[in-house]
Amino acid sequence: MYLHELNELLIESSYPTNFKPEEGVIAERVYIPDPYLGTGTIREIFFEGIHMGSAIATPASPMVFDFESDIEIVEMHFTLHGDSLTKMEEYKDSISIHSNQHNIFYACGGRGQTRWLTQEQQNVFEIKMRPEVFLKYLPNDRRADKFRQGILQKKASIYAERHLPITPEMLNVIQRILSCNRSGIYQKMYLESLTIELLLLQLEHMAAIDKMEMPARMKKTEVEKMQAVREFLEANLSEPLTLARLARMVGTNEYNLKRNFKALFGTTVFGYWSDLKMQEAHHLLLHEAKSVGEVSLHIGYKNPQHFSTAFKRKYGISPSQLKA
């Protein structure tokens, strides 16, 4: 990867065949960019057949990067925050991807250019697979068959015609991957299982793309309003909220809030909020020394029994059973 303006090499990495580490079962690398470029961290983990990468960076100014690769991969891509524009020689059109969007790409090496369009934080998570690993899980339908042909013909391909909203379930899996504290073969097994789970969620989401009711192209200002609502929900799990309050907060009405939020994030406002609550509860019960009652209050349930009922409906097991 090069900084375009100066043609300065930023990162150069080589990988063993099929991403299989020469020593041990899993390898990890961390890169810290030069301070004059901004602040951030790039982290990668790889093991046989799979490479995971996460980047959180706040650039000092809008930036342009040139990159090149000689590795054939399928990439599960998730832009958690930020806006970028990527052009590859192998793709006909530029790829513009924004906050809270995901897609799957195939490339047989190549070179291109990525533009970070603003100075806001960029937060990206990717899983790269060898094609033979990915093809084992590819379903048989029109969209998958087209993508499969692209791989077999070694032709750069994009799975979905438009990027889709990252769901709360996907975010939960990504967070579990990034917070994994296992090591060795147990880390590999855990990350492999989460990779399959995340791919399942992506493929299911894409299979339903034609059934999603989408309004006309949303204005950038409306997208920003919906992102503000989402961020507020994530930061206020225990606070009582109403659609009217959320709509007033971002300067819209309830109808537009309900319609645009579902179009952008693939679920209703309170469906999204409920999923966030349950995922937070699941994490606290497993990893923190908190009682069921404390967890219930933390996510806004005054009645622990109501919390237990909602939790069991979501996970098929009661909070006390999970904690035990």
C-alpha atoms as a PDB file:
ATOM      1  CA  MET A   1       0.000   0.000   0.000  1.00  0.00           C
ATOM      2  CA  TYR A   2       1.337   3.410  -1.014  1.00  0.00           C
ATOM      3  CA  LEU A   3       0.438   6.973  -0.070  1.00  0.00           C
ATOM      4  CA  HIS A   4      -0.616   8.313  -3.485  1.00  0.00           C
ATOM      5  CA  GLU A   5       0.643  11.894  -3.244  1.00  0.00           C
ATOM      6  CA  LEU A   6       4.182  10.919  -2.247  1.00  0.00           C
ATOM      7  CA  ASN A   7       4.300   7.425  -3.772  1.00  0.00           C
ATOM      8  CA  GLU A   8       5.558   6.399  -0.330  1.00  0.00           C
ATOM      9  CA  LEU A   9       5.353   2.754   0.709  1.00  0.00           C
ATOM     10  CA  LEU A  10       3.182   2.429   3.830  1.00  0.00           C
ATOM     11  CA  ILE A  11       2.646  -1.316   4.260  1.00  0.00           C
ATOM     12  CA  GLU A  12       4.111  -4.334   2.518  1.00  0.00           C
ATOM     13  CA  SER A  13       3.094  -7.823   3.663  1.00  0.00           C
ATOM     14  CA  SER A  14       3.814 -11.313   2.452  1.00  0.00           C
ATOM     15  CA  TYR A  15       1.889 -14.403   3.495  1.00  0.00           C
ATOM     16  CA  PRO A  16       2.600 -18.122   3.511  1.00  0.00           C
ATOM     17  CA  THR A  17       0.795 -20.357   1.030  1.00  0.00           C
ATOM     18  CA  ASN A  18      -2.921 -20.592   1.842  1.00  0.00           C
ATOM     19  CA  PHE A  19      -2.357 -18.243   4.839  1.00  0.00           C
ATOM     20  CA  LYS A  20      -1.033 -21.218   6.839  1.00  0.00           C
ATOM     21  CA  PRO A  21       1.559 -19.901   9.343  1.00  0.00           C
ATOM     22  CA  GLU A  22       5.018 -21.394   9.120  1.00  0.00           C
ATOM     23  CA  GLU A  23       5.038 -21.746  12.913  1.00  0.00           C
ATOM     24  CA  GLY A  24       2.039 -22.527  15.081  1.00  0.00           C
ATOM     25  CA  VAL A  25      -1.573 -22.637  13.958  1.00  0.00           C
ATOM     26  CA  ILE A  26      -2.356 -18.901  13.963  1.00  0.00           C
ATOM     27  CA  ALA A  27      -0.404 -15.678  13.398  1.00  0.00           C
ATOM     28  CA  GLU A  28      -1.091 -12.057  14.315  1.00  0.00           C
ATOM     29  CA  ARG A  29       0.394  -8.760  13.137  1.00  0.00           C
ATOM     30  CA  VAL A  30      -0.229  -5.163  14.236  1.00  0.00           C
ATOM     31  CA  TYR A  31       0.657  -2.016  12.289  1.00  0.00           C
ATOM     32  CA  ILE A  32       0.754   1.529  13.686  1.00  0.00           C
ATOM     33  CA  PRO A  33       0.748   4.226  10.969  1.00  0.00           C
ATOM     34  CA  ASP A  34       3.120   7.187  11.057  1.00  0.00           C
ATOM     35  CA  PRO A  35       1.707   9.994  13.265  1.00  0.00           C
ATOM     36  CA  TYR A  36       1.749  12.551  10.441  1.00  0.00           C
ATOM     37  CA  LEU A  37      -0.880  10.462   8.636  1.00  0.00           C
ATOM     38  CA  GLY A  38      -3.201  10.449  11.649  1.00  0.00           C
ATOM     39  CA  THR A  39      -3.906   7.998  14.430  1.00  0.00           C
ATOM     40  CA  GLY A  40      -4.993   4.387  14.299  1.00  0.00           C
ATOM     41  CA  THR A  41      -4.193   0.698  14.353  1.00  0.00           C
ATOM     42  CA  ILE A  42      -4.297  -2.034  11.739  1.00  0.00           C
ATOM     43  CA  ARG A  43      -4.524  -5.573  13.077  1.00  0.00           C
ATOM     44  CA  GLU A  44      -4.510  -8.838  11.157  1.00  0.00           C
ATOM     45  CA  ILE A  45      -4.884 -12.479  12.147  1.00  0.00           C
ATOM     46  CA  PHE A  46      -4.455 -15.363   9.740  1.00  0.00           C
ATOM     47  CA  PHE A  47      -4.533 -19.143   9.777  1.00  0.00           C
ATOM     48  CA  GLU A  48      -4.993 -21.836   7.167  1.00  0.00           C
ATOM     49  CA  GLY A  49      -7.393 -20.607   4.483  1.00  0.00           C
ATOM     50  CA  ILE A  50      -8.531 -17.437   6.277  1.00  0.00           C
ATOM     51  CA  HIS A  51      -7.196 -13.915   6.894  1.00  0.00           C
ATOM     52  CA  MET A  52      -8.924 -11.400   9.190  1.00  0.00           C
ATOM     53  CA  GLY A  53      -8.120  -7.703   9.219  1.00  0.00           C
ATOM     54  CA  SER A  54      -9.445  -4.731  11.172  1.00  0.00           C
ATOM     55  CA  ALA A  55      -8.481  -1.091  10.781  1.00  0.00           C
ATOM     56  CA  ILE A  56      -9.477   1.845  12.967  1.00  0.00           C
ATOM     57  CA  ALA A  57      -7.919   5.110  11.823  1.00  0.00           C
ATOM     58  CA  THR A  58      -8.578   8.834  11.966  1.00  0.00           C
ATOM     59  CA  PRO A  59      -6.659  10.431   9.074  1.00  0.00           C
ATOM     60  CA  ALA A  60      -5.042  13.829   9.437  1.00  0.00           C
ATOM     61  CA  SER A  61      -6.679  14.801   6.131  1.00  0.00           C
ATOM     62  CA  PRO A  62      -8.649  13.128   3.325  1.00  0.00           C
ATOM     63  CA  MET A  63      -6.249  10.576   1.823  1.00  0.00           C
ATOM     64  CA  VAL A  64      -5.665   8.551  -1.315  1.00  0.00           C
ATOM     65  CA  PHE A  65      -3.924   5.152  -1.202  1.00  0.00           C
ATOM     66  CA  ASP A  66      -2.638   3.041  -4.079  1.00  0.00           C
ATOM     67  CA  PHE A  67      -2.501  -0.697  -3.498  1.00  0.00           C
ATOM     68  CA  GLU A  68      -1.612  -3.887  -5.304  1.00  0.00           C
ATOM     69  CA  SER A  69      -1.945  -7.583  -4.532  1.00  0.00           C
ATOM     70  CA  ASP A  70      -1.047 -10.892  -6.146  1.00  0.00           C
ATOM     71  CA  ILE A  71      -3.306 -13.042  -3.949  1.00  0.00           C
ATOM     72  CA  GLU A  72      -6.577 -14.574  -5.146  1.00  0.00           C
ATOM     73  CA  ILE A  73      -9.199 -14.045  -2.443  1.00  0.00           C
ATOM     74  CA  VAL A  74     -12.872 -13.733  -1.587  1.00  0.00           C
ATOM     75  CA  GLU A  75     -13.395 -10.821   0.813  1.00  0.00           C
ATOM     76  CA  MET A  76     -16.241 -10.453   3.310  1.00  0.00           C
ATOM     77  CA  HIS A  77     -16.219  -6.677   3.770  1.00  0.00           C
ATOM     78  CA  PHE A  78     -17.778  -4.597   6.556  1.00  0.00           C
ATOM     79  CA  THR A  79     -17.423  -0.808   6.755  1.00  0.00           C
ATOM     80  CA  LEU A  80     -18.455  -0.096  10.330  1.00  0.00           C
ATOM     81  CA  HIS A  81     -17.815   3.644  10.036  1.00  0.00           C
ATOM     82  CA  GLY A  82     -16.532   6.022   7.386  1.00  0.00           C
ATOM     83  CA  ASP A  83     -16.858   6.645   3.651  1.00  0.00           C
ATOM     84  CA  SER A  84     -14.496   5.410   0.954  1.00  0.00           C
ATOM     85  CA  LEU A  85     -14.272   5.159  -2.817  1.00  0.00           C
ATOM     86  CA  THR A  86     -12.240   2.333  -4.356  1.00  0.00           C
ATOM     87  CA  LYS A  87     -11.323   1.816  -7.992  1.00  0.00           C
ATOM     88  CA  MET A  88      -9.677  -1.417  -9.160  1.00  0.00           C
ATOM     89  CA  GLU A  89      -8.453  -2.133 -12.666  1.00  0.00           C
ATOM     90  CA  GLU A  90     -10.410  -5.380 -12.651  1.00  0.00           C
ATOM     91  CA  TYR A  91     -13.788  -3.776 -11.790  1.00  0.00           C
ATOM     92  CA  LYS A  92     -15.780  -1.794 -14.339  1.00  0.00           C
ATOM     93  CA  ASP A  93     -17.110   0.768 -11.857  1.00  0.00           C
ATOM     94  CA  SER A  94     -15.760   2.441  -8.729  1.00  0.00           C
ATOM     95  CA  ILE A  95     -16.920   0.958  -5.437  1.00  0.00           C
ATOM     96  CA  SER A  96     -18.398   3.550  -3.080  1.00  0.00           C
ATOM     97  CA  ILE A  97     -19.066   2.155   0.387  1.00  0.00           C
ATOM     98  CA  HIS A  98     -20.327   4.005   3.448  1.00  0.00           C
ATOM     99  CA  SER A  99     -20.884   3.517   7.175  1.00  0.00           C
ATOM    100  CA  ASN A 100     -22.742   0.369   8.222  1.00  0.00           C
ATOM    101  CA  GLN A 101     -22.544  -1.405   4.867  1.00  0.00           C
ATOM    102  CA  HIS A 102     -21.359  -4.876   3.899  1.00  0.00           C
ATOM    103  CA  ASN A 103     -20.770  -6.916   0.747  1.00  0.00           C
ATOM    104  CA  ILE A 104     -18.643  -9.772  -0.613  1.00  0.00           C
ATOM    105  CA  PHE A 105     -15.972  -9.292  -3.275  1.00  0.00           C
ATOM    106  CA  TYR A 106     -13.784 -11.584  -5.360  1.00  0.00           C
ATOM    107  CA  ALA A 107     -10.454 -10.548  -6.863  1.00  0.00           C
ATOM    108  CA  CYS A 108      -7.610 -12.476  -8.440  1.00  0.00           C
ATOM    109  CA  GLY A 109      -4.856 -10.096  -7.423  1.00  0.00           C
ATOM    110  CA  GLY A 110      -4.713  -6.705  -9.118  1.00  0.00           C
ATOM    111  CA  ARG A 111      -4.129  -3.076  -8.266  1.00  0.00           C
ATOM    112  CA  GLY A 112      -6.255  -0.066  -7.491  1.00  0.00           C
ATOM    113  CA  GLN A 113      -6.801   3.072  -5.462  1.00  0.00           C
ATOM    114  CA  THR A 114      -8.845   3.874  -2.343  1.00  0.00           C
ATOM    115  CA  ARG A 115      -9.937   7.363  -1.313  1.00  0.00           C
ATOM    116  CA  TRP A 116     -10.925   8.199   2.246  1.00  0.00           C
ATOM    117  CA  LEU A 117     -13.377  10.967   1.501  1.00  0.00           C
ATOM    118  CA  THR A 118     -13.368  12.762   4.865  1.00  0.00           C
ATOM    119  CA  GLN A 119     -11.248  13.140   8.004  1.00  0.00           C
ATOM    120  CA  GLU A 120     -13.760  11.208  10.112  1.00  0.00           C
ATOM    121  CA  GLN A 121     -12.789   7.918  11.700  1.00  0.00           C
ATOM    122  CA  GLN A 122     -12.539   4.930   9.366  1.00  0.00           C
ATOM    123  CA  ASN A 123     -13.454   1.587  10.938  1.00  0.00           C
ATOM    124  CA  VAL A 124     -13.294  -1.423   8.631  1.00  0.00           C
ATOM    125  CA  PHE A 125     -13.401  -5.166   9.244  1.00  0.00           C
ATOM    126  CA  GLU A 126     -12.616  -7.759   6.562  1.00  0.00           C
ATOM    127  CA  ILE A 127     -12.306 -11.513   6.298  1.00  0.00           C
ATOM    128  CA  LYS A 128     -10.421 -12.835   3.285  1.00  0.00           C
ATOM    129  CA  MET A 129     -10.802 -16.487   2.277  1.00  0.00           C
ATOM    130  CA  ARG A 130      -9.122 -18.645  -0.265  1.00  0.00           C
ATOM    131  CA  PRO A 131     -11.754 -19.323  -2.981  1.00  0.00           C
ATOM    132  CA  GLU A 132     -11.739 -23.067  -2.362  1.00  0.00           C
ATOM    133  CA  VAL A 133     -12.702 -22.433   1.263  1.00  0.00           C
ATOM    134  CA  PHE A 134     -15.481 -19.988   0.350  1.00  0.00           C
ATOM    135  CA  LEU A 135     -16.962 -22.182  -2.395  1.00  0.00           C
ATOM    136  CA  LYS A 136     -17.730 -24.926   0.133  1.00  0.00           C
ATOM    137  CA  TYR A 137     -20.383 -22.686   1.697  1.00  0.00           C
ATOM    138  CA  LEU A 138     -21.825 -21.017  -1.411  1.00  0.00           C
ATOM    139  CA  PRO A 139     -25.547 -21.826  -1.894  1.00  0.00           C
ATOM    140  CA  ASN A 140     -27.256 -22.680  -5.178  1.00  0.00           C
ATOM    141  CA  ASP A 141     -29.300 -19.721  -6.348  1.00  0.00           C
ATOM    142  CA  ARG A 142     -29.142 -17.130  -9.137  1.00  0.00           C
ATOM    143  CA  ARG A 143     -26.999 -14.635  -7.262  1.00  0.00           C
ATOM    144  CA  ALA A 144     -24.602 -17.251  -5.893  1.00  0.00           C
ATOM    145  CA  ASP A 145     -24.276 -18.994  -9.271  1.00  0.00           C
ATOM    146  CA  LYS A 146     -23.246 -15.718 -10.921  1.00  0.00           C
ATOM    147  CA  PHE A 147     -20.618 -15.095  -8.242  1.00  0.00           C
ATOM    148  CA  ARG A 148     -19.382 -18.699  -8.514  1.00  0.00           C
ATOM    149  CA  GLN A 149     -18.880 -18.281 -12.252  1.00  0.00           C
ATOM    150  CA  GLY A 150     -16.840 -15.155 -11.612  1.00  0.00           C
ATOM    151  CA  ILE A 151     -14.536 -17.120  -9.317  1.00  0.00           C
ATOM    152  CA  LEU A 152     -14.186 -20.057 -11.737  1.00  0.00           C
ATOM    153  CA  GLN A 153     -13.410 -17.655 -14.596  1.00  0.00           C
ATOM    154  CA  LYS A 154     -11.059 -15.634 -12.341  1.00  0.00           C
ATOM    155  CA  LYS A 155     -13.103 -12.517 -13.083  1.00  0.00           C
ATOM    156  CA  ALA A 156     -13.425  -9.811 -10.406  1.00  0.00           C
ATOM    157  CA  SER A 157     -16.968  -9.951  -9.007  1.00  0.00           C
ATOM    158  CA  ILE A 158     -19.278  -8.339  -6.425  1.00  0.00           C
ATOM    159  CA  TYR A 159     -21.875 -10.559  -4.745  1.00  0.00           C
ATOM    160  CA  ALA A 160     -24.690  -8.029  -4.274  1.00  0.00           C
ATOM    161  CA  GLU A 161     -25.441  -5.213  -6.735  1.00  0.00           C
ATOM    162  CA  ARG A 162     -25.793  -2.765  -3.867  1.00  0.00           C
ATOM    163  CA  HIS A 163     -24.183  -2.783  -0.444  1.00  0.00           C
ATOM    164  CA  LEU A 164     -26.478  -3.879   2.377  1.00  0.00           C
ATOM    165  CA  PRO A 165     -26.846  -2.591   5.953  1.00  0.00           C
ATOM    166  CA  ILE A 166     -24.850  -4.406   8.623  1.00  0.00           C
ATOM    167  CA  THR A 167     -27.306  -6.045  11.007  1.00  0.00           C
ATOM    168  CA  PRO A 168     -27.017  -6.163  14.811  1.00  0.00           C
ATOM    169  CA  GLU A 169     -26.350  -9.922  14.556  1.00  0.00           C
ATOM    170  CA  MET A 170     -23.389  -9.269  12.268  1.00  0.00           C
ATOM    171  CA  LEU A 171     -22.041  -6.589  14.603  1.00  0.00           C
ATOM    172  CA  ASN A 172     -22.291  -9.023  17.489  1.00  0.00           C
ATOM    173  CA  VAL A 173     -20.233 -11.658  15.652  1.00  0.00           C
ATOM    174  CA  ILE A 174     -17.620  -9.084  14.622  1.00  0.00           C
ATOM    175  CA  GLN A 175     -17.308  -7.896  18.215  1.00  0.00           C
ATOM    176  CA  ARG A 176     -16.856 -11.482  19.395  1.00  0.00           C
ATOM    177  CA  ILE A 177     -14.107 -11.995  16.827  1.00  0.00           C
ATOM    178  CA  LEU A 178     -12.283  -8.816  17.823  1.00  0.00           C
ATOM    179  CA  SER A 179     -12.531  -9.565  21.551  1.00  0.00           C
ATOM    180  CA  CYS A 180     -11.400 -13.212  21.325  1.00  0.00           C
ATOM    181  CA  ASN A 181      -8.881 -13.998  24.085  1.00  0.00           C
ATOM    182  CA  ARG A 182      -8.263 -17.661  23.271  1.00  0.00           C
ATOM    183  CA  SER A 183      -4.943 -18.869  21.864  1.00  0.00           C
ATOM    184  CA  GLY A 184      -3.533 -21.616  19.708  1.00  0.00           C
ATOM    185  CA  ILE A 185      -5.817 -24.269  18.284  1.00  0.00           C
ATOM    186  CA  TYR A 186      -8.741 -23.065  20.429  1.00  0.00           C
ATOM    187  CA  GLN A 187      -8.459 -19.555  18.971  1.00  0.00           C
ATOM    188  CA  LYS A 188      -8.373 -21.019  15.454  1.00  0.00           C
ATOM    189  CA  MET A 189     -11.436 -23.201  16.107  1.00  0.00           C
ATOM    190  CA  TYR A 190     -13.336 -20.283  17.634  1.00  0.00           C
ATOM    191  CA  LEU A 191     -12.518 -17.860  14.821  1.00  0.00           C
ATOM    192  CA  GLU A 192     -13.330 -20.444  12.153  1.00  0.00           C
ATOM    193  CA  SER A 193     -16.747 -21.026  13.683  1.00  0.00           C
ATOM    194  CA  LEU A 194     -17.455 -17.290  13.877  1.00  0.00           C
ATOM    195  CA  THR A 195     -16.315 -16.823  10.274  1.00  0.00           C
ATOM    196  CA  ILE A 196     -18.883 -19.391   9.128  1.00  0.00           C
ATOM    197  CA  GLU A 197     -21.553 -17.771  11.307  1.00  0.00           C
ATOM    198  CA  LEU A 198     -20.796 -14.323   9.868  1.00  0.00           C
ATOM    199  CA  LEU A 199     -20.805 -15.675   6.304  1.00  0.00           C
ATOM    200  CA  LEU A 200     -24.146 -17.363   7.003  1.00  0.00           C
ATOM    201  CA  LEU A 201     -25.607 -14.030   8.118  1.00  0.00           C
ATOM    202  CA  GLN A 202     -24.259 -12.289   5.013  1.00  0.00           C
ATOM    203  CA  LEU A 203     -25.547 -14.918   2.583  1.00  0.00           C
ATOM    204  CA  GLU A 204     -28.970 -15.062   4.251  1.00  0.00           C
ATOM    205  CA  HIS A 205     -29.189 -11.284   4.119  1.00  0.00           C
ATOM    206  CA  MET A 206     -28.276 -11.233   0.437  1.00  0.00           C
ATOM    207  CA  ALA A 207     -30.733 -14.019  -0.363  1.00  0.00           C
ATOM    208  CA  ALA A 208     -33.486 -11.768   0.968  1.00  0.00           C
ATOM    209  CA  ILE A 209     -32.340  -8.674  -0.925  1.00  0.00           C
ATOM    210  CA  ASP A 210     -35.068  -8.897  -3.567  1.00  0.00           C
ATOM    211  CA  LYS A 211     -37.747  -9.089  -0.873  1.00  0.00           C
ATOM    212  CA  MET A 212     -36.624  -5.928   0.913  1.00  0.00           C
ATOM    213  CA  GLU A 213     -38.858  -2.919   0.433  1.00  0.00           C
ATOM    214  CA  MET A 214     -36.575  -0.041  -0.505  1.00  0.00           C
ATOM    215  CA  PRO A 215     -37.638   3.570  -0.971  1.00  0.00           C
ATOM    216  CA  ALA A 216     -36.115   5.805  -3.602  1.00  0.00           C
ATOM    217  CA  ARG A 217     -32.408   6.576  -3.130  1.00  0.00           C
ATOM    218  CA  MET A 218     -32.049   8.173   0.271  1.00  0.00           C
ATOM    219  CA  LYS A 219     -30.498  11.614   0.544  1.00  0.00           C
ATOM    220  CA  LYS A 220     -27.214  11.877   2.408  1.00  0.00           C
ATOM    221  CA  THR A 221     -28.844  14.081   5.044  1.00  0.00           C
ATOM    222  CA  GLU A 222     -31.446  11.358   5.733  1.00  0.00           C
ATOM    223  CA  VAL A 223     -28.733   8.706   5.968  1.00  0.00           C
ATOM    224  CA  GLU A 224     -26.889  10.861   8.508  1.00  0.00           C
ATOM    225  CA  LYS A 225     -30.083  11.265  10.546  1.00  0.00           C
ATOM    226  CA  MET A 226     -30.626   7.496  10.657  1.00  0.00           C
ATOM    227  CA  GLN A 227     -26.996   6.930  11.646  1.00  0.00           C
ATOM    228  CA  ALA A 228     -27.447   9.449  14.472  1.00  0.00           C
ATOM    229  CA  VAL A 229     -30.505   7.543  15.684  1.00  0.00           C
ATOM    230  CA  ARG A 230     -28.589   4.259  15.585  1.00  0.00           C
ATOM    231  CA  GLU A 231     -25.680   5.723  17.552  1.00  0.00           C
ATOM    232  CA  PHE A 232     -28.092   7.138  20.123  1.00  0.00           C
ATOM    233  CA  LEU A 233     -29.766   3.740  20.534  1.00  0.00           C
ATOM    234  CA  GLU A 234     -26.380   2.067  21.028  1.00  0.00           C
ATOM    235  CA  ALA A 235     -25.416   4.582  23.718  1.00  0.00           C
ATOM    236  CA  ASN A 236     -28.741   4.514  25.587  1.00  0.00           C
ATOM    237  CA  LEU A 237     -29.779   0.914  26.172  1.00  0.00           C
ATOM    238  CA  SER A 238     -31.459   1.592  29.518  1.00  0.00           C
ATOM    239  CA  GLU A 239     -33.215   4.891  28.762  1.00  0.00           C
ATOM    240  CA  PRO A 240     -36.947   4.873  27.897  1.00  0.00           C
ATOM    241  CA  LEU A 241     -37.347   6.059  24.304  1.00  0.00           C
ATOM    242  CA  THR A 242     -40.198   6.747  21.903  1.00  0.00           C
ATOM    243  CA  LEU A 243     -40.335   7.127  18.129  1.00  0.00           C
ATOM    244  CA  ALA A 244     -41.612  10.671  18.573  1.00  0.00           C
ATOM    245  CA  ARG A 245     -38.611  11.630  20.709  1.00  0.00           C
ATOM    246  CA  LEU A 246     -36.104  10.041  18.333  1.00  0.00           C
ATOM    247  CA  ALA A 247     -37.722  11.706  15.326  1.00  0.00           C
ATOM    248  CA  ARG A 248     -37.643  15.136  16.977  1.00  0.00           C
ATOM    249  CA  MET A 249     -34.033  14.616  18.008  1.00  0.00           C
ATOM    250  CA  VAL A 250     -32.832  14.277  14.400  1.00  0.00           C
ATOM    251  CA  GLY A 251     -35.341  16.627  12.781  1.00  0.00           C
ATOM    252  CA  THR A 252     -37.662  14.223  10.991  1.00  0.00           C
ATOM    253  CA  ASN A 253     -41.111  12.702  11.528  1.00  0.00           C
ATOM    254  CA  GLU A 254     -42.114   9.244  12.767  1.00  0.00           C
ATOM    255  CA  TYR A 255     -43.122   7.976   9.322  1.00  0.00           C
ATOM    256  CA  ASN A 256     -39.790   8.862   7.725  1.00  0.00           C
ATOM    257  CA  LEU A 257     -37.916   7.557  10.747  1.00  0.00           C
ATOM    258  CA  LYS A 258     -39.585   4.142  10.556  1.00  0.00           C
ATOM    259  CA  ARG A 259     -39.273   3.874   6.779  1.00  0.00           C
ATOM    260  CA  ASN A 260     -35.715   5.142   6.382  1.00  0.00           C
ATOM    261  CA  PHE A 261     -34.307   3.313   9.406  1.00  0.00           C
ATOM    262  CA  LYS A 262     -35.624  -0.029   8.143  1.00  0.00           C
ATOM    263  CA  ALA A 263     -34.357   0.692   4.631  1.00  0.00           C
ATOM    264  CA  LEU A 264     -30.863   1.533   5.870  1.00  0.00           C
ATOM    265  CA  PHE A 265     -30.433  -1.052   8.622  1.00  0.00           C
ATOM    266  CA  GLY A 266     -32.770  -3.845   7.557  1.00  0.00           C
ATOM    267  CA  THR A 267     -34.886  -3.845  10.706  1.00  0.00           C
ATOM    268  CA  THR A 268     -37.212  -1.601  12.693  1.00  0.00           C
ATOM    269  CA  VAL A 269     -35.985   0.998  15.184  1.00  0.00           C
ATOM    270  CA  PHE A 270     -37.138  -0.992  18.192  1.00  0.00           C
ATOM    271  CA  GLY A 271     -36.175  -4.309  16.614  1.00  0.00           C
ATOM    272  CA  TYR A 272     -32.631  -3.000  16.305  1.00  0.00           C
ATOM    273  CA  TRP A 273     -32.692  -1.622  19.855  1.00  0.00           C
ATOM    274  CA  SER A 274     -34.044  -4.886  21.259  1.00  0.00           C
ATOM    275  CA  ASP A 275     -31.315  -6.880  19.515  1.00  0.00           C
ATOM    276  CA  LEU A 276     -28.684  -4.552  20.968  1.00  0.00           C
ATOM    277  CA  LYS A 277     -30.137  -5.001  24.461  1.00  0.00           C
ATOM    278  CA  MET A 278     -30.158  -8.789  24.214  1.00  0.00           C
ATOM    279  CA  GLN A 279     -26.612  -8.924  22.828  1.00  0.00           C
ATOM    280  CA  GLU A 280     -25.366  -6.683  25.639  1.00  0.00           C
ATOM    281  CA  ALA A 281     -27.173  -8.852  28.182  1.00  0.00           C
ATOM    282  CA  HIS A 282     -25.681 -12.015  26.664  1.00  0.00           C
ATOM    283  CA  HIS A 283     -22.182 -10.539  26.922  1.00  0.00           C
ATOM    284  CA  LEU A 284     -22.651  -9.355  30.513  1.00  0.00           C
ATOM    285  CA  LEU A 285     -24.048 -12.682  31.684  1.00  0.00           C
ATOM    286  CA  LEU A 286     -21.148 -14.605  30.150  1.00  0.00           C
ATOM    287  CA  HIS A 287     -18.233 -12.298  30.866  1.00  0.00           C
ATOM    288  CA  GLU A 288     -19.110 -10.001  33.780  1.00  0.00           C
ATOM    289  CA  ALA A 289     -19.836 -10.745  37.449  1.00  0.00           C
ATOM    290  CA  LYS A 290     -23.376  -9.369  37.302  1.00  0.00           C
ATOM    291  CA  SER A 291     -26.597 -10.944  38.491  1.00  0.00           C
ATOM    292  CA  VAL A 292     -29.633 -11.426  36.257  1.00  0.00           C
ATOM    293  CA  GLY A 293     -31.333  -8.538  38.091  1.00  0.00           C
ATOM    294  CA  GLU A 294     -28.372  -6.207  37.535  1.00  0.00           C
ATOM    295  CA  VAL A 295     -28.230  -7.069  33.853  1.00  0.00           C
ATOM    296  CA  SER A 296     -31.974  -6.535  33.566  1.00  0.00           C
ATOM    297  CA  LEU A 297     -31.696  -2.997  34.982  1.00  0.00           C
ATOM    298  CA  HIS A 298     -28.604  -2.244  32.890  1.00  0.00           C
ATOM    299  CA  ILE A 299     -30.511  -2.722  29.651  1.00  0.00           C
ATOM    300  CA  GLY A 300     -33.685  -0.974  30.800  1.00  0.00           C
ATOM    301  CA  TYR A 301     -35.939  -3.747  32.136  1.00  0.00           C
ATOM    302  CA  LYS A 302     -37.394  -2.853  35.521  1.00  0.00           C
ATOM    303  CA  ASN A 303     -39.024  -6.276  35.792  1.00  0.00           C
ATOM    304  CA  PRO A 304     -36.462  -9.142  35.647  1.00  0.00           C
ATOM    305  CA  GLN A 305     -39.204 -11.584  34.638  1.00  0.00           C
ATOM    306  CA  HIS A 306     -40.003  -9.531  31.539  1.00  0.00           C
ATOM    307  CA  PHE A 307     -36.291  -9.486  30.734  1.00  0.00           C
ATOM    308  CA  SER A 308     -36.012 -13.255  31.185  1.00  0.00           C
ATOM    309  CA  THR A 309     -38.982 -13.832  28.879  1.00  0.00           C
ATOM    310  CA  ALA A 310     -37.509 -11.611  26.143  1.00  0.00           C
ATOM    311  CA  PHE A 311     -34.061 -13.181  26.534  1.00  0.00           C
ATOM    312  CA  LYS A 312     -35.416 -16.741  26.259  1.00  0.00           C
ATOM    313  CA  ARG A 313     -37.457 -15.774  23.207  1.00  0.00           C
ATOM    314  CA  LYS A 314     -34.239 -14.496  21.585  1.00  0.00           C
ATOM    315  CA  TYR A 315     -31.775 -17.226  22.590  1.00  0.00           C
ATOM    316  CA  GLY A 316     -33.931 -20.207  23.560  1.00  0.00           C
ATOM    317  CA  ILE A 317     -32.441 -20.320  27.042  1.00  0.00           C
ATOM    318  CA  SER A 318     -33.143 -18.268  30.164  1.00  0.00           C
ATOM    319  CA  PRO A 319     -30.562 -15.778  31.537  1.00  0.00           C
ATOM    320  CA  SER A 320     -30.087 -17.868  34.691  1.00  0.00           C
ATOM    321  CA  GLN A 321     -29.453 -21.012  32.640  1.00  0.00           C
ATOM    322  CA  LEU A 322     -26.876 -19.205  30.501  1.00  0.00           C
ATOM    323  CA  LYS A 323     -25.129 -17.816  33.566  1.00  0.00           C
ATOM    324  CA  ALA A 324     -25.061 -21.251  35.176  1.00  0.00           C
END
